[in-house]
Each structure stands twice: as C-alpha cells, then as structure tokens.
Amino acid sequence: MSKRPQTRTIDLSLEEARFIDAKVASGAYASASDVVCDALEALAERDARLEEWLTRDVASVYDQMKSQPQTAIPAEEVFAGLRARRRASS
C-alpha cells in the first residue's frame, strides 16, 4: 500500500468514533488515522488468511465433492449426528 496520505471523509457510528477516540486517548495510537490504518492492515491480513484457507482447503473439498458426489454426507445426517453428540455430552 502507498504510504502517501490520502484524505477521506467517512461516517462512523457513535460507538465506532468512541472506540477510535479511546484508542488514541489510551496512548496506544498517536491519531485516529493511525487507528484506522492499523484496522485496515488487520482487515487485509484477515482477508489474505481467508483467501488462503478457501484456496487450500475449501476448493479441494469442493473439487472432490464435484468429482465424487457419492462420498458426500447429507447435511441432515451431519446435523443429526451433531445433535446426538450434544445430547450425549449434556
């Protein structure tokens, strides 16, 4: 990402604004911009991890289910098993 500042105007809820102000007031951040930048970096990292998981794990399972649908377990069977396990552990 470019480190050259770009000015933006955004609307925040009162709760969001208070959260940012509290972060700055705590001394954890020098400015509201720093809070937002850190939040955007965290969002980008989360999105990258999600994309990696989708590519690595989900896509291969999807491909397997497409090529071998007989190996799939019906959703109702899965949920019934989960309900049974929950009842057994209660």
C-alpha atoms as a PDB file:
ATOM      1  CA  MET A   1       0.000   0.000   0.000  1.00  0.00           C
ATOM      2  CA  SER A   2       1.104   3.521  -0.720  1.00  0.00           C
ATOM      3  CA  LYS A   3       2.296   5.379   2.365  1.00  0.00           C
ATOM      4  CA  ARG A   4       1.413   8.733   0.782  1.00  0.00           C
ATOM      5  CA  PRO A   5      -1.541  10.137   2.767  1.00  0.00           C
ATOM      6  CA  GLN A   6      -4.900  10.372   1.018  1.00  0.00           C
ATOM      7  CA  THR A   7      -7.660  12.366   2.676  1.00  0.00           C
ATOM      8  CA  ARG A   8     -11.022  10.625   3.054  1.00  0.00           C
ATOM      9  CA  THR A   9     -14.230  11.617   4.786  1.00  0.00           C
ATOM     10  CA  ILE A  10     -16.120   8.743   6.395  1.00  0.00           C
ATOM     11  CA  ASP A  11     -19.232   8.426   8.525  1.00  0.00           C
ATOM     12  CA  LEU A  12     -18.905   6.474  11.774  1.00  0.00           C
ATOM     13  CA  SER A  13     -21.420   5.400  14.350  1.00  0.00           C
ATOM     14  CA  LEU A  14     -21.082   6.977  17.779  1.00  0.00           C
ATOM     15  CA  GLU A  15     -19.756   3.648  19.095  1.00  0.00           C
ATOM     16  CA  GLU A  16     -17.087   3.461  16.363  1.00  0.00           C
ATOM     17  CA  ALA A  17     -15.999   7.057  16.954  1.00  0.00           C
ATOM     18  CA  ARG A  18     -15.770   6.465  20.700  1.00  0.00           C
ATOM     19  CA  PHE A  19     -13.731   3.318  20.113  1.00  0.00           C
ATOM     20  CA  ILE A  20     -11.224   5.220  17.978  1.00  0.00           C
ATOM     21  CA  ASP A  21     -11.093   8.105  20.452  1.00  0.00           C
ATOM     22  CA  ALA A  22     -10.473   5.680  23.316  1.00  0.00           C
ATOM     23  CA  LYS A  23      -7.578   4.066  21.456  1.00  0.00           C
ATOM     24  CA  VAL A  24      -5.986   7.474  20.907  1.00  0.00           C
ATOM     25  CA  ALA A  25      -6.691   8.610  24.494  1.00  0.00           C
ATOM     26  CA  SER A  26      -5.080   5.442  25.862  1.00  0.00           C
ATOM     27  CA  GLY A  27      -1.821   6.387  24.169  1.00  0.00           C
ATOM     28  CA  ALA A  28      -1.827   3.222  22.069  1.00  0.00           C
ATOM     29  CA  TYR A  29      -2.123   5.348  18.927  1.00  0.00           C
ATOM     30  CA  ALA A  30      -0.982   8.857  18.084  1.00  0.00           C
ATOM     31  CA  SER A  31      -4.033   9.694  15.973  1.00  0.00           C
ATOM     32  CA  ALA A  32      -7.357   8.471  14.682  1.00  0.00           C
ATOM     33  CA  SER A  33      -5.673   7.916  11.322  1.00  0.00           C
ATOM     34  CA  ASP A  34      -3.218   5.512  12.966  1.00  0.00           C
ATOM     35  CA  VAL A  35      -6.120   3.531  14.453  1.00  0.00           C
ATOM     36  CA  VAL A  36      -7.852   3.299  11.081  1.00  0.00           C
ATOM     37  CA  CYS A  37      -4.614   2.335   9.296  1.00  0.00           C
ATOM     38  CA  ASP A  38      -3.956  -0.438  11.821  1.00  0.00           C
ATOM     39  CA  ALA A  39      -7.537  -1.660  11.463  1.00  0.00           C
ATOM     40  CA  LEU A  40      -7.218  -1.734   7.666  1.00  0.00           C
ATOM     41  CA  GLU A  41      -3.965  -3.678   7.899  1.00  0.00           C
ATOM     42  CA  ALA A  42      -5.669  -6.207  10.191  1.00  0.00           C
ATOM     43  CA  LEU A  43      -8.565  -6.474   7.733  1.00  0.00           C
ATOM     44  CA  ALA A  44      -6.169  -7.056   4.831  1.00  0.00           C
ATOM     45  CA  GLU A  45      -4.374  -9.783   6.826  1.00  0.00           C
ATOM     46  CA  ARG A  46      -7.693 -11.443   7.685  1.00  0.00           C
ATOM     47  CA  ASP A  47      -8.789 -11.343   4.054  1.00  0.00           C
ATOM     48  CA  ALA A  48      -5.472 -12.882   2.958  1.00  0.00           C
ATOM     49  CA  ARG A  49      -5.840 -15.717   5.515  1.00  0.00           C
ATOM     50  CA  LEU A  50      -9.428 -16.323   4.399  1.00  0.00           C
ATOM     51  CA  GLU A  51      -8.388 -16.436   0.738  1.00  0.00           C
ATOM     52  CA  GLU A  52      -5.561 -18.845   1.597  1.00  0.00           C
ATOM     53  CA  TRP A  53      -7.962 -21.122   3.516  1.00  0.00           C
ATOM     54  CA  LEU A  54     -10.503 -21.052   0.698  1.00  0.00           C
ATOM     55  CA  THR A  55      -7.839 -21.874  -1.878  1.00  0.00           C
ATOM     56  CA  ARG A  56      -6.010 -24.501   0.180  1.00  0.00           C
ATOM     57  CA  ASP A  57      -8.830 -26.309   1.983  1.00  0.00           C
ATOM     58  CA  VAL A  58     -12.268 -25.450   0.672  1.00  0.00           C
ATOM     59  CA  ALA A  59     -11.523 -25.621  -3.053  1.00  0.00           C
ATOM     60  CA  SER A  60     -10.041 -29.105  -2.796  1.00  0.00           C
ATOM     61  CA  VAL A  61     -13.061 -30.421  -0.859  1.00  0.00           C
ATOM     62  CA  TYR A  62     -15.411 -28.804  -3.362  1.00  0.00           C
ATOM     63  CA  ASP A  63     -13.498 -30.368  -6.242  1.00  0.00           C
ATOM     64  CA  GLN A  64     -13.666 -33.772  -4.553  1.00  0.00           C
ATOM     65  CA  MET A  65     -17.412 -33.454  -3.963  1.00  0.00           C
ATOM     66  CA  LYS A  66     -17.938 -32.468  -7.604  1.00  0.00           C
ATOM     67  CA  SER A  67     -15.928 -35.419  -8.912  1.00  0.00           C
ATOM     68  CA  GLN A  68     -17.135 -37.979  -6.329  1.00  0.00           C
ATOM     69  CA  PRO A  69     -20.559 -36.890  -5.041  1.00  0.00           C
ATOM     70  CA  GLN A  70     -21.163 -40.369  -3.604  1.00  0.00           C
ATOM     71  CA  THR A  71     -18.601 -39.577  -0.857  1.00  0.00           C
ATOM     72  CA  ALA A  72     -20.682 -36.671   0.455  1.00  0.00           C
ATOM     73  CA  ILE A  73     -22.629 -36.978   3.686  1.00  0.00           C
ATOM     74  CA  PRO A  74     -26.127 -35.461   3.539  1.00  0.00           C
ATOM     75  CA  ALA A  75     -26.455 -32.312   5.666  1.00  0.00           C
ATOM     76  CA  GLU A  76     -29.370 -33.725   7.685  1.00  0.00           C
ATOM     77  CA  GLU A  77     -27.246 -36.740   8.624  1.00  0.00           C
ATOM     78  CA  VAL A  78     -24.423 -34.462   9.772  1.00  0.00           C
ATOM     79  CA  PHE A  79     -26.774 -32.284  11.844  1.00  0.00           C
ATOM     80  CA  ALA A  80     -28.474 -35.329  13.372  1.00  0.00           C
ATOM     81  CA  GLY A  81     -25.072 -36.631  14.435  1.00  0.00           C
ATOM     82  CA  LEU A  82     -24.145 -33.274  15.940  1.00  0.00           C
ATOM     83  CA  ARG A  83     -27.446 -33.107  17.854  1.00  0.00           C
ATOM     84  CA  ALA A  84     -26.879 -36.632  19.178  1.00  0.00           C
ATOM     85  CA  ARG A  85     -23.358 -35.786  20.323  1.00  0.00           C
ATOM     86  CA  ARG A  86     -24.631 -32.663  22.056  1.00  0.00           C
ATOM     87  CA  ARG A  87     -27.356 -34.601  23.862  1.00  0.00           C
ATOM     88  CA  ALA A  88     -24.830 -37.223  24.935  1.00  0.00           C
ATOM     89  CA  SER A  89     -22.493 -34.610  26.376  1.00  0.00           C
ATOM     90  CA  SER A  90     -25.263 -32.786  28.317  1.00  0.00           C
END
